[in-house]
Every structure is written in C-alpha cells, then in structure tokens.
Amino acid sequence: MVEFGEKYINPLTIFFVIAFLCLTASDFSWAQSSSRFSSDKYTNGKGDTLNYRLLFPDYDTLRKYPLVIFLHGSGERGNDNEAQLKWGVMNFATDQAMAMHPAIVIAPQCGANQEWSNFSENERTRELKLLPQPSKPMELLMGLIHQLIRTFAIDTNRIYITGLSMGGYGTYDAIERYPRLFAAAVPVCGGGDVSKAASIAHIPLWIFHGSEDSAVNPLYSVDMISALTRAGSHAGLTYYPATGHFSWLAAYSDPLMMEWLFSQHK
C-alpha cells in the first residue's frame, strides 16, 4: 500500500490510472493526427470512384512538395474512407514528421473484395507474374495521382509510394507498371514479379519483412532483393528477426527510413 496522509492507495490502482492516462493520451494523439487528413473522392467520369484521405502540408506557393502514396492492407478495405488510416500512415502526420518532411500524402481506400495489384500467383514456386491490365483500384489511383499533379504544386521528381501487406504487393505492382513515375518505394511485407527486377533497378527501394511472417512468405522479399541485386540495384532489405506479419509497426516508426525516403530524387 502507498500512504498519502491518512489514506492508503493500492499500487494496482495507481498502475491502472497511469495506464488509462497513457491510453487516453495515445487515443488523443491518434485522433489529432487523423483529423489532419481531409476526406475526398476521386471519380474517373465513368462512374468509378476511389475514396482517399489527403494530408496537406503548411502550403507555400513558392515551393513544390513531394507526394507520398500510402497503400493499406487487405483488412482496411471498404468504403468508410477511414479504415485505411489504421496502420502506418499516421507516422507521416505527426508534428515532427510534418515539420521535418512537409509533403502531400494520400491514403486511398481499396473497395471491398478488390486488390491494389493484379498478379497471377503460384504459392508453391513463389512465382508472381504481373498481368497486363491494372486492377480497377490501381487504375483509379493513377488517375488520382495525375489529377493531383495538375492541381497542386507537386515535385514530380519526388513521388514516393509505400504500402503494407496487400499494399506491399500494390507498391510492387505500381512501380513495375509505371517505373518512370516514382522516385522511391518502400514495400512492406509484400511481393512482386521478380522477372521485372531489371525494369525497376533504377528506383531506390527499401524492402521490409518479418522473418516469421505467416501471412506473406518472407522469401518473396528475399527473392526480390536477390533479383534486384543481380540487376544492379542498390536496394535494401530489413529482415526483422522474431517478427510476424506486423513488420510495418517497426518499418514506419523507423526515423532512418523516413529520412532516407524523403532524401530520394529522380
């Protein structure tokens, strides 16, 4: 027991109060960051719509800003235009991140039962093949990117793409289909078509994966880094030991990754 004057307080009570205050502060921080993302929709004029959230910097018309595209995982699909903020992208909306790396950040939301990528997959051989046509969400995303380039002061030499799990696959899909668009990419626990490695070897990549990922085989990342290295790329791979599918928790919290990403130019 802890004594305060004539009253005694159980240490467990103190522990739970502190824990509650920490959780409350965390929830407040999340709510504050999420409120920085405006809610928007992109339509292609053919009846197709892509929901997305937009983070805007302290806008200065005298300069241009990098554009960051963040692709969520399969669990955040839907049409609420909210779930895609659950993992990772909030790290771009902290006070420190916005002060150190002002950027326009978009977090689109893939519809239910849809995919960012369009690969054929042989799980036995770990072979992914990029199919000729992009998925509908990827097609809409490209339309959105080009609309933003026309609308805002975006530095087209600093367009970055990143994504986790299903979004990691989508990151590879995007850079393999449009290899001249992006200045850098950060695929997290995803997979891509290794036969396309030579076409993306010029793009700075930092790949992340957990060594014990049971949802997406970590060897997809090992295969890709091997193919990229053979193609002359200087891509990096962070292979977290004793880590499962949630490798994005460490990846997007890594200040070195953020510094590296925003230092890349075409």
C-alpha atoms as a PDB file:
ATOM      1  CA  MET A   1       0.000   0.000   0.000  1.00  0.00           C
ATOM      2  CA  VAL A   2       1.082   3.579  -0.682  1.00  0.00           C
ATOM      3  CA  GLU A   3       0.382   6.076   2.100  1.00  0.00           C
ATOM      4  CA  PHE A   4      -0.863   9.599   1.331  1.00  0.00           C
ATOM      5  CA  GLY A   5      -1.521  11.427   4.614  1.00  0.00           C
ATOM      6  CA  GLU A   6      -4.125   9.330   6.348  1.00  0.00           C
ATOM      7  CA  LYS A   7      -5.252   7.488   3.193  1.00  0.00           C
ATOM      8  CA  TYR A   8      -3.847   4.379   1.597  1.00  0.00           C
ATOM      9  CA  ILE A   9      -3.925   3.710  -2.139  1.00  0.00           C
ATOM     10  CA  ASN A  10      -3.391   0.293  -3.609  1.00  0.00           C
ATOM     11  CA  PRO A  11      -0.418   0.287  -6.036  1.00  0.00           C
ATOM     12  CA  LEU A  12      -2.580  -1.555  -8.569  1.00  0.00           C
ATOM     13  CA  THR A  13      -4.934   1.398  -8.566  1.00  0.00           C
ATOM     14  CA  ILE A  14      -2.038   3.717  -9.371  1.00  0.00           C
ATOM     15  CA  PHE A  15      -0.920   1.386 -12.165  1.00  0.00           C
ATOM     16  CA  PHE A  16      -4.351   1.315 -13.794  1.00  0.00           C
ATOM     17  CA  VAL A  17      -4.734   5.092 -13.532  1.00  0.00           C
ATOM     18  CA  ILE A  18      -1.370   5.618 -15.233  1.00  0.00           C
ATOM     19  CA  ALA A  19      -2.221   3.049 -17.896  1.00  0.00           C
ATOM     20  CA  PHE A  20      -5.577   4.732 -18.525  1.00  0.00           C
ATOM     21  CA  LEU A  21      -3.930   8.141 -18.885  1.00  0.00           C
ATOM     22  CA  CYS A  22      -1.360   6.744 -21.324  1.00  0.00           C
ATOM     23  CA  LEU A  23      -4.075   5.133 -23.436  1.00  0.00           C
ATOM     24  CA  THR A  24      -6.125   8.309 -23.367  1.00  0.00           C
ATOM     25  CA  ALA A  25      -3.124  10.341 -24.495  1.00  0.00           C
ATOM     26  CA  SER A  26      -2.463   7.831 -27.269  1.00  0.00           C
ATOM     27  CA  ASP A  27      -6.091   7.970 -28.426  1.00  0.00           C
ATOM     28  CA  PHE A  28      -5.975  11.769 -28.391  1.00  0.00           C
ATOM     29  CA  SER A  29      -2.776  11.771 -30.445  1.00  0.00           C
ATOM     30  CA  TRP A  30      -4.332   9.366 -32.983  1.00  0.00           C
ATOM     31  CA  ALA A  31      -7.495  11.456 -33.231  1.00  0.00           C
ATOM     32  CA  GLN A  32      -5.455  14.628 -33.666  1.00  0.00           C
ATOM     33  CA  SER A  33      -3.368  13.085 -36.451  1.00  0.00           C
ATOM     34  CA  SER A  34      -6.349  11.516 -38.228  1.00  0.00           C
ATOM     35  CA  SER A  35      -8.169  14.847 -38.243  1.00  0.00           C
ATOM     36  CA  ARG A  36      -5.330  16.243 -40.328  1.00  0.00           C
ATOM     37  CA  PHE A  37      -6.411  14.068 -43.253  1.00  0.00           C
ATOM     38  CA  SER A  38      -9.249  15.552 -45.270  1.00  0.00           C
ATOM     39  CA  SER A  39     -11.795  13.134 -46.739  1.00  0.00           C
ATOM     40  CA  ASP A  40     -12.046  13.143 -50.518  1.00  0.00           C
ATOM     41  CA  LYS A  41     -13.240  11.123 -53.512  1.00  0.00           C
ATOM     42  CA  TYR A  42     -11.801  10.744 -56.980  1.00  0.00           C
ATOM     43  CA  THR A  43     -14.094   9.885 -59.903  1.00  0.00           C
ATOM     44  CA  ASN A  44     -12.932   8.994 -63.391  1.00  0.00           C
ATOM     45  CA  GLY A  45     -16.023  10.207 -65.222  1.00  0.00           C
ATOM     46  CA  LYS A  46     -17.128   6.634 -65.943  1.00  0.00           C
ATOM     47  CA  GLY A  47     -18.967   6.055 -62.686  1.00  0.00           C
ATOM     48  CA  ASP A  48     -15.932   4.668 -60.836  1.00  0.00           C
ATOM     49  CA  THR A  49     -14.927   6.201 -57.503  1.00  0.00           C
ATOM     50  CA  LEU A  50     -11.845   5.937 -55.297  1.00  0.00           C
ATOM     51  CA  ASN A  51     -12.111   7.156 -51.710  1.00  0.00           C
ATOM     52  CA  TYR A  52      -8.977   8.724 -50.302  1.00  0.00           C
ATOM     53  CA  ARG A  53      -7.669  10.779 -47.416  1.00  0.00           C
ATOM     54  CA  LEU A  54      -5.372  13.728 -48.044  1.00  0.00           C
ATOM     55  CA  LEU A  55      -2.730  15.201 -45.747  1.00  0.00           C
ATOM     56  CA  PHE A  56      -1.693  18.692 -46.745  1.00  0.00           C
ATOM     57  CA  PRO A  57       1.495  20.439 -45.564  1.00  0.00           C
ATOM     58  CA  ASP A  58       1.922  24.022 -44.443  1.00  0.00           C
ATOM     59  CA  TYR A  59       1.375  25.054 -48.035  1.00  0.00           C
ATOM     60  CA  ASP A  60       3.749  27.600 -49.538  1.00  0.00           C
ATOM     61  CA  THR A  61       3.091  28.529 -53.151  1.00  0.00           C
ATOM     62  CA  LEU A  62       6.768  29.409 -53.588  1.00  0.00           C
ATOM     63  CA  ARG A  63       7.840  25.770 -53.426  1.00  0.00           C
ATOM     64  CA  LYS A  64       6.859  22.308 -54.614  1.00  0.00           C
ATOM     65  CA  TYR A  65       6.179  19.339 -52.352  1.00  0.00           C
ATOM     66  CA  PRO A  66       6.852  15.626 -52.528  1.00  0.00           C
ATOM     67  CA  LEU A  67       3.869  13.330 -52.937  1.00  0.00           C
ATOM     68  CA  VAL A  68       3.615  10.184 -50.814  1.00  0.00           C
ATOM     69  CA  ILE A  69       1.164   7.419 -51.764  1.00  0.00           C
ATOM     70  CA  PHE A  70       0.289   5.027 -48.936  1.00  0.00           C
ATOM     71  CA  LEU A  71      -1.444   1.719 -49.750  1.00  0.00           C
ATOM     72  CA  HIS A  72      -3.191  -0.096 -46.897  1.00  0.00           C
ATOM     73  CA  GLY A  73      -3.583  -3.831 -46.338  1.00  0.00           C
ATOM     74  CA  SER A  74      -6.498  -6.160 -47.026  1.00  0.00           C
ATOM     75  CA  GLY A  75      -8.079  -5.680 -43.604  1.00  0.00           C
ATOM     76  CA  GLU A  76      -8.707  -1.988 -44.257  1.00  0.00           C
ATOM     77  CA  ARG A  77     -10.716  -2.382 -47.462  1.00  0.00           C
ATOM     78  CA  GLY A  78     -14.217  -0.939 -47.645  1.00  0.00           C
ATOM     79  CA  ASN A  79     -15.993   2.334 -48.288  1.00  0.00           C
ATOM     80  CA  ASP A  80     -15.870   4.144 -44.940  1.00  0.00           C
ATOM     81  CA  ASN A  81     -12.820   6.207 -46.023  1.00  0.00           C
ATOM     82  CA  GLU A  82     -11.462   5.773 -42.512  1.00  0.00           C
ATOM     83  CA  ALA A  83     -10.068   2.275 -42.016  1.00  0.00           C
ATOM     84  CA  GLN A  84      -7.012   2.937 -44.211  1.00  0.00           C
ATOM     85  CA  LEU A  85      -5.665   5.273 -41.509  1.00  0.00           C
ATOM     86  CA  LYS A  86      -5.329   2.414 -39.012  1.00  0.00           C
ATOM     87  CA  TRP A  87      -1.734   1.384 -39.687  1.00  0.00           C
ATOM     88  CA  GLY A  88       1.406   3.208 -40.727  1.00  0.00           C
ATOM     89  CA  VAL A  89       0.243   6.338 -42.468  1.00  0.00           C
ATOM     90  CA  MET A  90      -0.230   8.247 -39.207  1.00  0.00           C
ATOM     91  CA  ASN A  91       3.557   8.346 -38.897  1.00  0.00           C
ATOM     92  CA  PHE A  92       3.550  10.881 -41.730  1.00  0.00           C
ATOM     93  CA  ALA A  93       1.080  13.116 -39.828  1.00  0.00           C
ATOM     94  CA  THR A  94       2.899  13.685 -36.536  1.00  0.00           C
ATOM     95  CA  ASP A  95       4.074  17.172 -35.620  1.00  0.00           C
ATOM     96  CA  GLN A  96       7.682  16.111 -36.059  1.00  0.00           C
ATOM     97  CA  ALA A  97       7.141  14.439 -39.437  1.00  0.00           C
ATOM     98  CA  MET A  98       5.187  17.382 -40.844  1.00  0.00           C
ATOM     99  CA  ALA A  99       7.803  19.854 -39.596  1.00  0.00           C
ATOM    100  CA  MET A 100      10.802  17.879 -40.856  1.00  0.00           C
ATOM    101  CA  HIS A 101       9.292  16.470 -44.057  1.00  0.00           C
ATOM    102  CA  PRO A 102       6.386  18.576 -45.319  1.00  0.00           C
ATOM    103  CA  ALA A 103       4.626  16.585 -48.009  1.00  0.00           C
ATOM    104  CA  ILE A 104       1.300  15.896 -49.647  1.00  0.00           C
ATOM    105  CA  VAL A 105       0.252  12.420 -48.512  1.00  0.00           C
ATOM    106  CA  ILE A 106      -2.637  10.424 -49.938  1.00  0.00           C
ATOM    107  CA  ALA A 107      -4.130   7.278 -48.420  1.00  0.00           C
ATOM    108  CA  PRO A 108      -6.635   5.801 -50.882  1.00  0.00           C
ATOM    109  CA  GLN A 109      -9.043   3.064 -49.830  1.00  0.00           C
ATOM    110  CA  CYS A 110      -9.439  -0.088 -51.879  1.00  0.00           C
ATOM    111  CA  GLY A 111     -13.022  -1.298 -52.195  1.00  0.00           C
ATOM    112  CA  ALA A 112     -14.237  -4.493 -50.559  1.00  0.00           C
ATOM    113  CA  ASN A 113     -13.016  -7.662 -52.301  1.00  0.00           C
ATOM    114  CA  GLN A 114     -10.728  -5.640 -54.553  1.00  0.00           C
ATOM    115  CA  GLU A 115      -6.917  -5.592 -54.796  1.00  0.00           C
ATOM    116  CA  TRP A 116      -4.285  -2.956 -55.430  1.00  0.00           C
ATOM    117  CA  SER A 117      -2.263  -5.392 -57.515  1.00  0.00           C
ATOM    118  CA  ASN A 118      -3.024  -7.719 -60.403  1.00  0.00           C
ATOM    119  CA  PHE A 119      -0.605 -10.640 -60.243  1.00  0.00           C
ATOM    120  CA  SER A 120      -1.042 -14.295 -61.004  1.00  0.00           C
ATOM    121  CA  GLU A 121       0.460 -16.240 -58.116  1.00  0.00           C
ATOM    122  CA  ASN A 122       1.920 -19.714 -57.725  1.00  0.00           C
ATOM    123  CA  GLU A 123       2.429 -20.148 -53.977  1.00  0.00           C
ATOM    124  CA  ARG A 124       4.319 -23.414 -54.442  1.00  0.00           C
ATOM    125  CA  THR A 125       7.018 -21.860 -56.606  1.00  0.00           C
ATOM    126  CA  ARG A 126       6.645 -18.333 -55.157  1.00  0.00           C
ATOM    127  CA  GLU A 127       6.144 -17.062 -58.714  1.00  0.00           C
ATOM    128  CA  LEU A 128       4.243 -13.830 -59.193  1.00  0.00           C
ATOM    129  CA  LYS A 129       3.532 -12.608 -62.707  1.00  0.00           C
ATOM    130  CA  LEU A 130       2.349  -9.087 -63.458  1.00  0.00           C
ATOM    131  CA  LEU A 131      -0.794  -9.316 -65.553  1.00  0.00           C
ATOM    132  CA  PRO A 132      -1.276  -6.892 -68.485  1.00  0.00           C
ATOM    133  CA  GLN A 133      -4.160  -4.863 -67.076  1.00  0.00           C
ATOM    134  CA  PRO A 134      -4.010  -2.991 -63.755  1.00  0.00           C
ATOM    135  CA  SER A 135      -6.699  -3.645 -61.179  1.00  0.00           C
ATOM    136  CA  LYS A 136      -9.522  -1.123 -61.057  1.00  0.00           C
ATOM    137  CA  PRO A 137      -8.243   0.472 -57.801  1.00  0.00           C
ATOM    138  CA  MET A 138      -4.748   0.831 -59.303  1.00  0.00           C
ATOM    139  CA  GLU A 139      -6.194   2.359 -62.472  1.00  0.00           C
ATOM    140  CA  LEU A 140      -8.148   4.858 -60.381  1.00  0.00           C
ATOM    141  CA  LEU A 141      -5.102   5.588 -58.228  1.00  0.00           C
ATOM    142  CA  MET A 142      -3.069   6.522 -61.299  1.00  0.00           C
ATOM    143  CA  GLY A 143      -5.844   8.851 -62.407  1.00  0.00           C
ATOM    144  CA  LEU A 144      -5.872  10.451 -58.965  1.00  0.00           C
ATOM    145  CA  ILE A 145      -2.090  10.922 -58.954  1.00  0.00           C
ATOM    146  CA  HIS A 146      -2.136  12.704 -62.300  1.00  0.00           C
ATOM    147  CA  GLN A 147      -5.059  14.874 -61.187  1.00  0.00           C
ATOM    148  CA  LEU A 148      -3.134  15.917 -58.069  1.00  0.00           C
ATOM    149  CA  ILE A 149      -0.067  16.725 -60.170  1.00  0.00           C
ATOM    150  CA  ARG A 150      -2.202  19.047 -62.300  1.00  0.00           C
ATOM    151  CA  THR A 151      -3.891  20.625 -59.272  1.00  0.00           C
ATOM    152  CA  PHE A 152      -1.157  21.100 -56.666  1.00  0.00           C
ATOM    153  CA  ALA A 153       2.468  22.184 -56.560  1.00  0.00           C
ATOM    154  CA  ILE A 154       3.897  18.650 -56.556  1.00  0.00           C
ATOM    155  CA  ASP A 155       7.553  17.957 -57.205  1.00  0.00           C
ATOM    156  CA  THR A 156       7.302  15.231 -59.850  1.00  0.00           C
ATOM    157  CA  ASN A 157      10.899  14.242 -59.115  1.00  0.00           C
ATOM    158  CA  ARG A 158       9.845  13.256 -55.584  1.00  0.00           C
ATOM    159  CA  ILE A 159       6.828  10.957 -55.890  1.00  0.00           C
ATOM    160  CA  TYR A 160       7.098   8.111 -53.377  1.00  0.00           C
ATOM    161  CA  ILE A 161       4.967   5.017 -52.877  1.00  0.00           C
ATOM    162  CA  THR A 162       4.737   2.636 -49.949  1.00  0.00           C
ATOM    163  CA  GLY A 163       2.322   0.029 -48.691  1.00  0.00           C
ATOM    164  CA  LEU A 164       1.917  -2.865 -46.294  1.00  0.00           C
ATOM    165  CA  SER A 165       0.821  -6.453 -46.962  1.00  0.00           C
ATOM    166  CA  MET A 166      -1.744  -6.154 -49.786  1.00  0.00           C
ATOM    167  CA  GLY A 167      -0.398  -2.623 -50.166  1.00  0.00           C
ATOM    168  CA  GLY A 168       3.126  -4.047 -50.381  1.00  0.00           C
ATOM    169  CA  TYR A 169       2.016  -6.087 -53.377  1.00  0.00           C
ATOM    170  CA  GLY A 170       0.388  -2.917 -54.706  1.00  0.00           C
ATOM    171  CA  THR A 171       3.630  -0.991 -54.301  1.00  0.00           C
ATOM    172  CA  TYR A 172       5.461  -3.511 -56.479  1.00  0.00           C
ATOM    173  CA  ASP A 173       2.597  -3.520 -58.982  1.00  0.00           C
ATOM    174  CA  ALA A 174       2.729   0.270 -59.294  1.00  0.00           C
ATOM    175  CA  ILE A 175       6.473   0.591 -59.776  1.00  0.00           C
ATOM    176  CA  GLU A 176       6.587  -2.358 -62.197  1.00  0.00           C
ATOM    177  CA  ARG A 177       3.783  -0.903 -64.334  1.00  0.00           C
ATOM    178  CA  TYR A 178       4.920   2.717 -64.123  1.00  0.00           C
ATOM    179  CA  PRO A 179       8.685   2.570 -63.492  1.00  0.00           C
ATOM    180  CA  ARG A 180       9.316   6.173 -64.590  1.00  0.00           C
ATOM    181  CA  LEU A 181       6.794   7.750 -62.247  1.00  0.00           C
ATOM    182  CA  PHE A 182       8.315   7.065 -58.835  1.00  0.00           C
ATOM    183  CA  ALA A 183      11.420   8.417 -57.133  1.00  0.00           C
ATOM    184  CA  ALA A 184      11.477   5.742 -54.403  1.00  0.00           C
ATOM    185  CA  ALA A 185       9.404   2.911 -52.968  1.00  0.00           C
ATOM    186  CA  VAL A 186       9.056   1.155 -49.606  1.00  0.00           C
ATOM    187  CA  PRO A 187       7.255  -2.206 -49.927  1.00  0.00           C
ATOM    188  CA  VAL A 188       6.435  -3.736 -46.537  1.00  0.00           C
ATOM    189  CA  CYS A 189       5.683  -7.482 -46.255  1.00  0.00           C
ATOM    190  CA  GLY A 190       4.634  -7.772 -49.891  1.00  0.00           C
ATOM    191  CA  GLY A 191       5.713  -9.494 -53.083  1.00  0.00           C
ATOM    192  CA  GLY A 192       6.277  -8.636 -56.710  1.00  0.00           C
ATOM    193  CA  ASP A 193       7.211 -10.049 -60.100  1.00  0.00           C
ATOM    194  CA  VAL A 194      10.958 -10.730 -59.850  1.00  0.00           C
ATOM    195  CA  SER A 195      11.193 -11.040 -63.639  1.00  0.00           C
ATOM    196  CA  LYS A 196      10.602  -7.268 -63.747  1.00  0.00           C
ATOM    197  CA  ALA A 197      13.548  -6.510 -61.441  1.00  0.00           C
ATOM    198  CA  ALA A 198      15.704  -5.031 -64.203  1.00  0.00           C
ATOM    199  CA  SER A 199      12.963  -2.541 -65.110  1.00  0.00           C
ATOM    200  CA  ILE A 200      12.838  -1.158 -61.559  1.00  0.00           C
ATOM    201  CA  ALA A 201      16.529  -1.467 -60.659  1.00  0.00           C
ATOM    202  CA  HIS A 202      16.938   2.313 -61.084  1.00  0.00           C
ATOM    203  CA  ILE A 203      14.316   3.050 -58.400  1.00  0.00           C
ATOM    204  CA  PRO A 204      15.652   3.355 -54.839  1.00  0.00           C
ATOM    205  CA  LEU A 205      13.867   0.676 -52.779  1.00  0.00           C
ATOM    206  CA  TRP A 206      13.905  -0.220 -49.117  1.00  0.00           C
ATOM    207  CA  ILE A 207      12.098  -3.505 -48.505  1.00  0.00           C
ATOM    208  CA  PHE A 208      10.835  -4.597 -45.067  1.00  0.00           C
ATOM    209  CA  HIS A 209       9.649  -8.018 -43.911  1.00  0.00           C
ATOM    210  CA  GLY A 210       9.321 -10.056 -40.735  1.00  0.00           C
ATOM    211  CA  SER A 211      11.292 -13.313 -40.713  1.00  0.00           C
ATOM    212  CA  GLU A 212       8.368 -15.198 -39.152  1.00  0.00           C
ATOM    213  CA  ASP A 213       5.576 -13.777 -41.313  1.00  0.00           C
ATOM    214  CA  SER A 214       2.953 -16.494 -41.722  1.00  0.00           C
ATOM    215  CA  ALA A 215       0.625 -14.368 -43.893  1.00  0.00           C
ATOM    216  CA  VAL A 216       3.044 -13.329 -46.654  1.00  0.00           C
ATOM    217  CA  ASN A 217       6.042 -15.597 -47.215  1.00  0.00           C
ATOM    218  CA  PRO A 218       9.202 -13.634 -46.254  1.00  0.00           C
ATOM    219  CA  LEU A 219      11.010 -15.328 -49.128  1.00  0.00           C
ATOM    220  CA  TYR A 220       9.068 -13.104 -51.515  1.00  0.00           C
ATOM    221  CA  SER A 221      11.206 -10.220 -50.237  1.00  0.00           C
ATOM    222  CA  VAL A 222      14.372 -12.334 -50.282  1.00  0.00           C
ATOM    223  CA  ASP A 223      13.686 -13.357 -53.887  1.00  0.00           C
ATOM    224  CA  MET A 224      13.097  -9.742 -54.882  1.00  0.00           C
ATOM    225  CA  ILE A 225      16.233  -8.342 -53.244  1.00  0.00           C
ATOM    226  CA  SER A 226      18.280 -11.100 -54.900  1.00  0.00           C
ATOM    227  CA  ALA A 227      16.829 -10.317 -58.324  1.00  0.00           C
ATOM    228  CA  LEU A 228      17.308  -6.578 -57.836  1.00  0.00           C
ATOM    229  CA  THR A 229      20.920  -7.029 -56.749  1.00  0.00           C
ATOM    230  CA  ARG A 230      21.644  -9.153 -59.836  1.00  0.00           C
ATOM    231  CA  ALA A 231      20.095  -6.367 -61.937  1.00  0.00           C
ATOM    232  CA  GLY A 232      22.482  -3.805 -60.468  1.00  0.00           C
ATOM    233  CA  SER A 233      20.115  -2.223 -57.936  1.00  0.00           C
ATOM    234  CA  HIS A 234      21.309  -0.875 -54.604  1.00  0.00           C
ATOM    235  CA  ALA A 235      18.001  -1.710 -52.900  1.00  0.00           C
ATOM    236  CA  GLY A 236      17.974  -2.544 -49.208  1.00  0.00           C
ATOM    237  CA  LEU A 237      16.176  -5.225 -47.208  1.00  0.00           C
ATOM    238  CA  THR A 238      15.396  -5.020 -43.495  1.00  0.00           C
ATOM    239  CA  TYR A 239      14.521  -8.523 -42.322  1.00  0.00           C
ATOM    240  CA  TYR A 240      13.214  -8.267 -38.774  1.00  0.00           C
ATOM    241  CA  PRO A 241      14.041 -11.317 -36.621  1.00  0.00           C
ATOM    242  CA  ALA A 242      11.328 -12.864 -34.432  1.00  0.00           C
ATOM    243  CA  THR A 243       8.699 -10.738 -36.206  1.00  0.00           C
ATOM    244  CA  GLY A 244       5.499 -11.909 -37.841  1.00  0.00           C
ATOM    245  CA  HIS A 245       3.198 -10.096 -40.228  1.00  0.00           C
ATOM    246  CA  PHE A 246       3.148  -6.792 -38.338  1.00  0.00           C
ATOM    247  CA  SER A 247       6.584  -5.729 -39.593  1.00  0.00           C
ATOM    248  CA  TRP A 248       5.050  -2.395 -40.559  1.00  0.00           C
ATOM    249  CA  LEU A 249       4.983  -1.336 -36.891  1.00  0.00           C
ATOM    250  CA  ALA A 250       8.771  -1.077 -36.865  1.00  0.00           C
ATOM    251  CA  ALA A 251       9.144  -0.048 -40.516  1.00  0.00           C
ATOM    252  CA  TYR A 252       7.019   3.095 -40.344  1.00  0.00           C
ATOM    253  CA  SER A 253       8.360   4.026 -36.907  1.00  0.00           C
ATOM    254  CA  ASP A 254      11.944   3.983 -38.159  1.00  0.00           C
ATOM    255  CA  PRO A 255      13.231   7.576 -38.420  1.00  0.00           C
ATOM    256  CA  LEU A 256      16.063   6.409 -40.677  1.00  0.00           C
ATOM    257  CA  MET A 257      13.530   5.102 -43.177  1.00  0.00           C
ATOM    258  CA  MET A 258      11.730   8.446 -43.184  1.00  0.00           C
ATOM    259  CA  GLU A 259      14.996  10.360 -43.647  1.00  0.00           C
ATOM    260  CA  TRP A 260      16.035   8.020 -46.439  1.00  0.00           C
ATOM    261  CA  LEU A 261      12.680   8.219 -48.231  1.00  0.00           C
ATOM    262  CA  PHE A 262      12.470  11.998 -48.305  1.00  0.00           C
ATOM    263  CA  SER A 263      16.075  12.329 -49.463  1.00  0.00           C
ATOM    264  CA  GLN A 264      15.372  10.483 -52.728  1.00  0.00           C
ATOM    265  CA  HIS A 265      15.054  12.324 -56.028  1.00  0.00           C
ATOM    266  CA  LYS A 266      14.678  11.119 -59.598  1.00  0.00           C
END
